[in-house]
Amino acid sequence: MVKYTEEEIAQMKQILSNIGRGIPKHLTSLWWKRYKEISGNSKEPQPCTCPKAANLWYKASTAIARYLDDLEGNEIV
């Protein structure tokens, strides 16, 4: 499991809770980077932010949310 600092975990939780209608454009690179780290799929290119790519961003957000859920009750290093 990838390990993040408490600040990075808090940032991911904040982004996830504020996504609403989409990921803010200034956070897309960070969000995709976190997804690739968590999923272990370092070769998957970052999609565009157009509506056709929504399923890819949903997949990334779901993976990050699962990661955060798995952290609950575990020590954060």
PDB file of N, CA and C in Angstrom:
ATOM      1  N   MET A   1       0.845  -1.185   0.000  1.00  0.00           N
ATOM      2  CA  MET A   1       0.000   0.000   0.000  1.00  0.00           C
ATOM      3  C   MET A   1       0.886   1.242   0.000  1.00  0.00           C
ATOM      4  N   VAL A   2       0.542   2.192  -0.826  1.00  0.00           N
ATOM      5  CA  VAL A   2       1.266   3.456  -0.902  1.00  0.00           C
ATOM      6  C   VAL A   2       1.062   4.196   0.414  1.00  0.00           C
ATOM      7  N   LYS A   3       2.115   4.863   0.875  1.00  0.00           N
ATOM      8  CA  LYS A   3       2.003   5.626   2.119  1.00  0.00           C
ATOM      9  C   LYS A   3       2.151   7.106   1.815  1.00  0.00           C
ATOM     10  N   TYR A   4       1.290   7.879   2.442  1.00  0.00           N
ATOM     11  CA  TYR A   4       1.295   9.334   2.295  1.00  0.00           C
ATOM     12  C   TYR A   4       1.374   9.976   3.667  1.00  0.00           C
ATOM     13  N   THR A   5       1.780  11.229   3.680  1.00  0.00           N
ATOM     14  CA  THR A   5       1.822  11.963   4.937  1.00  0.00           C
ATOM     15  C   THR A   5       0.399  12.295   5.374  1.00  0.00           C
ATOM     16  N   GLU A   6       0.249  12.699   6.603  1.00  0.00           N
ATOM     17  CA  GLU A   6      -1.070  13.103   7.102  1.00  0.00           C
ATOM     18  C   GLU A   6      -1.624  14.270   6.294  1.00  0.00           C
ATOM     19  N   GLU A   7      -0.743  15.191   5.889  1.00  0.00           N
ATOM     20  CA  GLU A   7      -1.175  16.351   5.100  1.00  0.00           C
ATOM     21  C   GLU A   7      -1.678  15.909   3.718  1.00  0.00           C
ATOM     22  N   GLU A   8      -0.980  14.962   3.100  1.00  0.00           N
ATOM     23  CA  GLU A   8      -1.406  14.472   1.793  1.00  0.00           C
ATOM     24  C   GLU A   8      -2.739  13.729   1.883  1.00  0.00           C
ATOM     25  N   ILE A   9      -2.911  12.955   2.947  1.00  0.00           N
ATOM     26  CA  ILE A   9      -4.172  12.241   3.167  1.00  0.00           C
ATOM     27  C   ILE A   9      -5.307  13.256   3.346  1.00  0.00           C
ATOM     28  N   ALA A  10      -5.067  14.272   4.160  1.00  0.00           N
ATOM     29  CA  ALA A  10      -6.090  15.303   4.389  1.00  0.00           C
ATOM     30  C   ALA A  10      -6.428  16.018   3.083  1.00  0.00           C
ATOM     31  N   GLN A  11      -5.423  16.294   2.265  1.00  0.00           N
ATOM     32  CA  GLN A  11      -5.660  16.952   0.983  1.00  0.00           C
ATOM     33  C   GLN A  11      -6.520  16.072   0.079  1.00  0.00           C
ATOM     34  N   MET A  12      -6.223  14.779   0.008  1.00  0.00           N
ATOM     35  CA  MET A  12      -7.013  13.878  -0.834  1.00  0.00           C
ATOM     36  C   MET A  12      -8.452  13.797  -0.338  1.00  0.00           C
ATOM     37  N   LYS A  13      -8.628  13.744   0.969  1.00  0.00           N
ATOM     38  CA  LYS A  13      -9.989  13.705   1.527  1.00  0.00           C
ATOM     39  C   LYS A  13     -10.746  14.981   1.189  1.00  0.00           C
ATOM     40  N   GLN A  14     -10.061  16.118   1.272  1.00  0.00           N
ATOM     41  CA  GLN A  14     -10.701  17.394   0.970  1.00  0.00           C
ATOM     42  C   GLN A  14     -11.095  17.462  -0.503  1.00  0.00           C
ATOM     43  N   ILE A  15     -10.197  17.067  -1.383  1.00  0.00           N
ATOM     44  CA  ILE A  15     -10.502  17.085  -2.814  1.00  0.00           C
ATOM     45  C   ILE A  15     -11.687  16.171  -3.100  1.00  0.00           C
ATOM     46  N   LEU A  16     -11.650  14.969  -2.523  1.00  0.00           N
ATOM     47  CA  LEU A  16     -12.720  14.001  -2.759  1.00  0.00           C
ATOM     48  C   LEU A  16     -14.067  14.523  -2.277  1.00  0.00           C
ATOM     49  N   SER A  17     -14.075  15.169  -1.136  1.00  0.00           N
ATOM     50  CA  SER A  17     -15.338  15.663  -0.592  1.00  0.00           C
ATOM     51  C   SER A  17     -15.871  16.882  -1.340  1.00  0.00           C
ATOM     52  N   ASN A  18     -15.006  17.560  -2.088  1.00  0.00           N
ATOM     53  CA  ASN A  18     -15.419  18.767  -2.805  1.00  0.00           C
ATOM     54  C   ASN A  18     -15.533  18.591  -4.311  1.00  0.00           C
ATOM     55  N   ILE A  19     -15.432  17.372  -4.802  1.00  0.00           N
ATOM     56  CA  ILE A  19     -15.455  17.166  -6.251  1.00  0.00           C
ATOM     57  C   ILE A  19     -16.767  17.649  -6.859  1.00  0.00           C
ATOM     58  N   GLY A  20     -17.881  17.261  -6.289  1.00  0.00           N
ATOM     59  CA  GLY A  20     -19.173  17.729  -6.796  1.00  0.00           C
ATOM     60  C   GLY A  20     -19.392  17.408  -8.254  1.00  0.00           C
ATOM     61  N   ARG A  21     -19.316  18.407  -9.104  1.00  0.00           N
ATOM     62  CA  ARG A  21     -19.585  18.219 -10.529  1.00  0.00           C
ATOM     63  C   ARG A  21     -18.318  17.955 -11.320  1.00  0.00           C
ATOM     64  N   GLY A  22     -17.198  17.817 -10.668  1.00  0.00           N
ATOM     65  CA  GLY A  22     -15.953  17.526 -11.379  1.00  0.00           C
ATOM     66  C   GLY A  22     -14.743  17.919 -10.565  1.00  0.00           C
ATOM     67  N   ILE A  23     -13.615  17.474 -11.030  1.00  0.00           N
ATOM     68  CA  ILE A  23     -12.352  17.801 -10.368  1.00  0.00           C
ATOM     69  C   ILE A  23     -11.896  19.163 -10.875  1.00  0.00           C
ATOM     70  N   PRO A  24     -11.582  20.083  -9.986  1.00  0.00           N
ATOM     71  CA  PRO A  24     -11.097  21.387 -10.442  1.00  0.00           C
ATOM     72  C   PRO A  24      -9.873  21.218 -11.348  1.00  0.00           C
ATOM     73  N   LYS A  25      -9.842  21.953 -12.434  1.00  0.00           N
ATOM     74  CA  LYS A  25      -8.775  21.798 -13.437  1.00  0.00           C
ATOM     75  C   LYS A  25      -7.382  21.946 -12.846  1.00  0.00           C
ATOM     76  N   HIS A  26      -7.218  22.816 -11.854  1.00  0.00           N
ATOM     77  CA  HIS A  26      -5.886  23.002 -11.287  1.00  0.00           C
ATOM     78  C   HIS A  26      -5.445  21.815 -10.421  1.00  0.00           C
ATOM     79  N   LEU A  27      -6.348  20.873 -10.163  1.00  0.00           N
ATOM     80  CA  LEU A  27      -6.008  19.696  -9.359  1.00  0.00           C
ATOM     81  C   LEU A  27      -5.970  18.402 -10.159  1.00  0.00           C
ATOM     82  N   THR A  28      -6.265  18.466 -11.466  1.00  0.00           N
ATOM     83  CA  THR A  28      -6.348  17.231 -12.244  1.00  0.00           C
ATOM     84  C   THR A  28      -5.024  16.479 -12.312  1.00  0.00           C
ATOM     85  N   SER A  29      -3.923  17.179 -12.477  1.00  0.00           N
ATOM     86  CA  SER A  29      -2.614  16.502 -12.548  1.00  0.00           C
ATOM     87  C   SER A  29      -2.278  15.811 -11.234  1.00  0.00           C
ATOM     88  N   LEU A  30      -2.508  16.494 -10.138  1.00  0.00           N
ATOM     89  CA  LEU A  30      -2.263  15.896  -8.821  1.00  0.00           C
ATOM     90  C   LEU A  30      -3.160  14.683  -8.605  1.00  0.00           C
ATOM     91  N   TRP A  31      -4.430  14.815  -8.956  1.00  0.00           N
ATOM     92  CA  TRP A  31      -5.403  13.734  -8.747  1.00  0.00           C
ATOM     93  C   TRP A  31      -5.015  12.498  -9.565  1.00  0.00           C
ATOM     94  N   TRP A  32      -4.633  12.726 -10.815  1.00  0.00           N
ATOM     95  CA  TRP A  32      -4.248  11.601 -11.669  1.00  0.00           C
ATOM     96  C   TRP A  32      -2.951  10.969 -11.165  1.00  0.00           C
ATOM     97  N   LYS A  33      -2.014  11.788 -10.693  1.00  0.00           N
ATOM     98  CA  LYS A  33      -0.756  11.275 -10.135  1.00  0.00           C
ATOM     99  C   LYS A  33      -1.052  10.376  -8.940  1.00  0.00           C
ATOM    100  N   ARG A  34      -1.920  10.825  -8.044  1.00  0.00           N
ATOM    101  CA  ARG A  34      -2.281  10.005  -6.871  1.00  0.00           C
ATOM    102  C   ARG A  34      -2.940   8.694  -7.307  1.00  0.00           C
ATOM    103  N   TYR A  35      -3.816   8.781  -8.296  1.00  0.00           N
ATOM    104  CA  TYR A  35      -4.475   7.577  -8.798  1.00  0.00           C
ATOM    105  C   TYR A  35      -3.446   6.576  -9.332  1.00  0.00           C
ATOM    106  N   LYS A  36      -2.498   7.057 -10.128  1.00  0.00           N
ATOM    107  CA  LYS A  36      -1.483   6.168 -10.689  1.00  0.00           C
ATOM    108  C   LYS A  36      -0.611   5.554  -9.601  1.00  0.00           C
ATOM    109  N   GLU A  37      -0.275   6.321  -8.569  1.00  0.00           N
ATOM    110  CA  GLU A  37       0.510   5.786  -7.456  1.00  0.00           C
ATOM    111  C   GLU A  37      -0.266   4.690  -6.730  1.00  0.00           C
ATOM    112  N   ILE A  38      -1.535   4.949  -6.483  1.00  0.00           N
ATOM    113  CA  ILE A  38      -2.371   4.004  -5.737  1.00  0.00           C
ATOM    114  C   ILE A  38      -2.671   2.763  -6.563  1.00  0.00           C
ATOM    115  N   SER A  39      -2.972   2.946  -7.837  1.00  0.00           N
ATOM    116  CA  SER A  39      -3.342   1.816  -8.688  1.00  0.00           C
ATOM    117  C   SER A  39      -2.136   1.019  -9.163  1.00  0.00           C
ATOM    118  N   GLY A  40      -0.967   1.636  -9.150  1.00  0.00           N
ATOM    119  CA  GLY A  40       0.234   0.976  -9.643  1.00  0.00           C
ATOM    120  C   GLY A  40       0.319   0.969 -11.163  1.00  0.00           C
ATOM    121  N   ASN A  41      -0.563   1.695 -11.814  1.00  0.00           N
ATOM    122  CA  ASN A  41      -0.582   1.747 -13.268  1.00  0.00           C
ATOM    123  C   ASN A  41       0.110   3.021 -13.741  1.00  0.00           C
ATOM    124  N   SER A  42       1.421   3.033 -13.693  1.00  0.00           N
ATOM    125  CA  SER A  42       2.174   4.249 -13.983  1.00  0.00           C
ATOM    126  C   SER A  42       2.186   4.632 -15.452  1.00  0.00           C
ATOM    127  N   LYS A  43       1.756   3.748 -16.334  1.00  0.00           N
ATOM    128  CA  LYS A  43       1.805   4.052 -17.767  1.00  0.00           C
ATOM    129  C   LYS A  43       0.488   4.599 -18.314  1.00  0.00           C
ATOM    130  N   GLU A  44      -0.548   4.623 -17.512  1.00  0.00           N
ATOM    131  CA  GLU A  44      -1.845   5.101 -17.988  1.00  0.00           C
ATOM    132  C   GLU A  44      -1.795   6.622 -18.139  1.00  0.00           C
ATOM    133  N   PRO A  45      -1.985   7.130 -19.363  1.00  0.00           N
ATOM    134  CA  PRO A  45      -1.897   8.581 -19.579  1.00  0.00           C
ATOM    135  C   PRO A  45      -3.080   9.317 -18.962  1.00  0.00           C
ATOM    136  N   GLN A  46      -2.814  10.549 -18.554  1.00  0.00           N
ATOM    137  CA  GLN A  46      -3.876  11.374 -17.971  1.00  0.00           C
ATOM    138  C   GLN A  46      -4.888  11.733 -19.046  1.00  0.00           C
ATOM    139  N   PRO A  47      -6.169  11.500 -18.773  1.00  0.00           N
ATOM    140  CA  PRO A  47      -7.194  11.851 -19.760  1.00  0.00           C
ATOM    141  C   PRO A  47      -7.468  13.354 -19.774  1.00  0.00           C
ATOM    142  N   CYS A  48      -8.162  13.769 -20.807  1.00  0.00           N
ATOM    143  CA  CYS A  48      -8.592  15.157 -20.882  1.00  0.00           C
ATOM    144  C   CYS A  48      -9.706  15.373 -19.848  1.00  0.00           C
ATOM    145  N   THR A  49     -10.164  16.573 -19.739  1.00  0.00           N
ATOM    146  CA  THR A  49     -11.231  16.869 -18.781  1.00  0.00           C
ATOM    147  C   THR A  49     -12.580  17.030 -19.470  1.00  0.00           C
ATOM    148  N   CYS A  50     -12.684  16.537 -20.682  1.00  0.00           N
ATOM    149  CA  CYS A  50     -13.951  16.630 -21.415  1.00  0.00           C
ATOM    150  C   CYS A  50     -14.940  15.581 -20.886  1.00  0.00           C
ATOM    151  N   PRO A  51     -16.221  15.758 -21.160  1.00  0.00           N
ATOM    152  CA  PRO A  51     -17.226  14.815 -20.664  1.00  0.00           C
ATOM    153  C   PRO A  51     -16.998  13.368 -21.093  1.00  0.00           C
ATOM    154  N   LYS A  52     -16.373  13.145 -22.252  1.00  0.00           N
ATOM    155  CA  LYS A  52     -16.124  11.779 -22.712  1.00  0.00           C
ATOM    156  C   LYS A  52     -15.162  11.018 -21.798  1.00  0.00           C
ATOM    157  N   ALA A  53     -14.353  11.730 -21.033  1.00  0.00           N
ATOM    158  CA  ALA A  53     -13.375  11.101 -20.151  1.00  0.00           C
ATOM    159  C   ALA A  53     -13.903  10.950 -18.720  1.00  0.00           C
ATOM    160  N   ALA A  54     -15.149  11.280 -18.501  1.00  0.00           N
ATOM    161  CA  ALA A  54     -15.704  11.247 -17.138  1.00  0.00           C
ATOM    162  C   ALA A  54     -15.560   9.872 -16.485  1.00  0.00           C
ATOM    163  N   ASN A  55     -15.722   8.807 -17.270  1.00  0.00           N
ATOM    164  CA  ASN A  55     -15.609   7.465 -16.692  1.00  0.00           C
ATOM    165  C   ASN A  55     -14.194   7.191 -16.178  1.00  0.00           C
ATOM    166  N   LEU A  56     -13.185   7.753 -16.827  1.00  0.00           N
ATOM    167  CA  LEU A  56     -11.807   7.573 -16.358  1.00  0.00           C
ATOM    168  C   LEU A  56     -11.560   8.334 -15.058  1.00  0.00           C
ATOM    169  N   TRP A  57     -12.105   9.531 -14.971  1.00  0.00           N
ATOM    170  CA  TRP A  57     -11.962  10.309 -13.736  1.00  0.00           C
ATOM    171  C   TRP A  57     -12.758   9.666 -12.603  1.00  0.00           C
ATOM    172  N   TYR A  58     -13.904   9.080 -12.942  1.00  0.00           N
ATOM    173  CA  TYR A  58     -14.690   8.362 -11.940  1.00  0.00           C
ATOM    174  C   TYR A  58     -13.901   7.161 -11.423  1.00  0.00           C
ATOM    175  N   LYS A  59     -13.257   6.436 -12.337  1.00  0.00           N
ATOM    176  CA  LYS A  59     -12.443   5.283 -11.954  1.00  0.00           C
ATOM    177  C   LYS A  59     -11.313   5.720 -11.014  1.00  0.00           C
ATOM    178  N   ALA A  60     -10.667   6.820 -11.342  1.00  0.00           N
ATOM    179  CA  ALA A  60      -9.576   7.331 -10.512  1.00  0.00           C
ATOM    180  C   ALA A  60     -10.083   7.740  -9.131  1.00  0.00           C
ATOM    181  N   SER A  61     -11.189   8.452  -9.108  1.00  0.00           N
ATOM    182  CA  SER A  61     -11.746   8.913  -7.830  1.00  0.00           C
ATOM    183  C   SER A  61     -12.206   7.741  -6.967  1.00  0.00           C
ATOM    184  N   THR A  62     -12.762   6.723  -7.600  1.00  0.00           N
ATOM    185  CA  THR A  62     -13.197   5.537  -6.866  1.00  0.00           C
ATOM    186  C   THR A  62     -12.003   4.819  -6.254  1.00  0.00           C
ATOM    187  N   ALA A  63     -10.920   4.705  -7.016  1.00  0.00           N
ATOM    188  CA  ALA A  63      -9.709   4.053  -6.505  1.00  0.00           C
ATOM    189  C   ALA A  63      -9.134   4.827  -5.318  1.00  0.00           C
ATOM    190  N   ILE A  64      -9.128   6.143  -5.418  1.00  0.00           N
ATOM    191  CA  ILE A  64      -8.611   6.968  -4.321  1.00  0.00           C
ATOM    192  C   ILE A  64      -9.523   6.853  -3.107  1.00  0.00           C
ATOM    193  N   ALA A  65     -10.828   6.866  -3.330  1.00  0.00           N
ATOM    194  CA  ALA A  65     -11.778   6.735  -2.217  1.00  0.00           C
ATOM    195  C   ALA A  65     -11.611   5.389  -1.516  1.00  0.00           C
ATOM    196  N   ARG A  66     -11.419   4.323  -2.287  1.00  0.00           N
ATOM    197  CA  ARG A  66     -11.200   2.998  -1.679  1.00  0.00           C
ATOM    198  C   ARG A  66      -9.918   2.980  -0.865  1.00  0.00           C
ATOM    199  N   TYR A  67      -8.880   3.599  -1.403  1.00  0.00           N
ATOM    200  CA  TYR A  67      -7.612   3.694  -0.681  1.00  0.00           C
ATOM    201  C   TYR A  67      -7.815   4.402   0.661  1.00  0.00           C
ATOM    202  N   LEU A  68      -8.519   5.523   0.626  1.00  0.00           N
ATOM    203  CA  LEU A  68      -8.770   6.273   1.851  1.00  0.00           C
ATOM    204  C   LEU A  68      -9.618   5.472   2.828  1.00  0.00           C
ATOM    205  N   ASP A  69     -10.603   4.732   2.318  1.00  0.00           N
ATOM    206  CA  ASP A  69     -11.421   3.870   3.178  1.00  0.00           C
ATOM    207  C   ASP A  69     -10.576   2.793   3.833  1.00  0.00           C
ATOM    208  N   ASP A  70      -9.631   2.223   3.069  1.00  0.00           N
ATOM    209  CA  ASP A  70      -8.762   1.185   3.610  1.00  0.00           C
ATOM    210  C   ASP A  70      -7.843   1.717   4.701  1.00  0.00           C
ATOM    211  N   LEU A  71      -7.564   3.022   4.667  1.00  0.00           N
ATOM    212  CA  LEU A  71      -6.695   3.635   5.687  1.00  0.00           C
ATOM    213  C   LEU A  71      -7.391   3.786   7.033  1.00  0.00           C
ATOM    214  N   GLU A  72      -8.709   3.891   7.011  1.00  0.00           N
ATOM    215  CA  GLU A  72      -9.444   4.103   8.254  1.00  0.00           C
ATOM    216  C   GLU A  72      -9.111   2.977   9.234  1.00  0.00           C
ATOM    217  N   GLY A  73      -8.662   3.359  10.389  1.00  0.00           N
ATOM    218  CA  GLY A  73      -8.293   2.380  11.406  1.00  0.00           C
ATOM    219  C   GLY A  73      -6.861   1.897  11.294  1.00  0.00           C
ATOM    220  N   ASN A  74      -6.165   2.311  10.233  1.00  0.00           N
ATOM    221  CA  ASN A  74      -4.767   1.947  10.072  1.00  0.00           C
ATOM    222  C   ASN A  74      -3.904   3.155  10.375  1.00  0.00           C
ATOM    223  N   GLU A  75      -2.691   2.882  10.744  1.00  0.00           N
ATOM    224  CA  GLU A  75      -1.758   3.964  11.059  1.00  0.00           C
ATOM    225  C   GLU A  75      -1.307   4.651   9.784  1.00  0.00           C
ATOM    226  N   ILE A  76      -1.298   5.959   9.788  1.00  0.00           N
ATOM    227  CA  ILE A  76      -0.813   6.748   8.652  1.00  0.00           C
ATOM    228  C   ILE A  76       0.634   7.100   8.918  1.00  0.00           C
ATOM    229  N   VAL A  77       1.482   6.801   7.957  1.00  0.00           N
ATOM    230  CA  VAL A  77       2.920   7.086   8.121  1.00  0.00           C
ATOM    231  C   VAL A  77       3.306   8.187   7.164  1.00  0.00           C
TER     232      VAL A  77
END
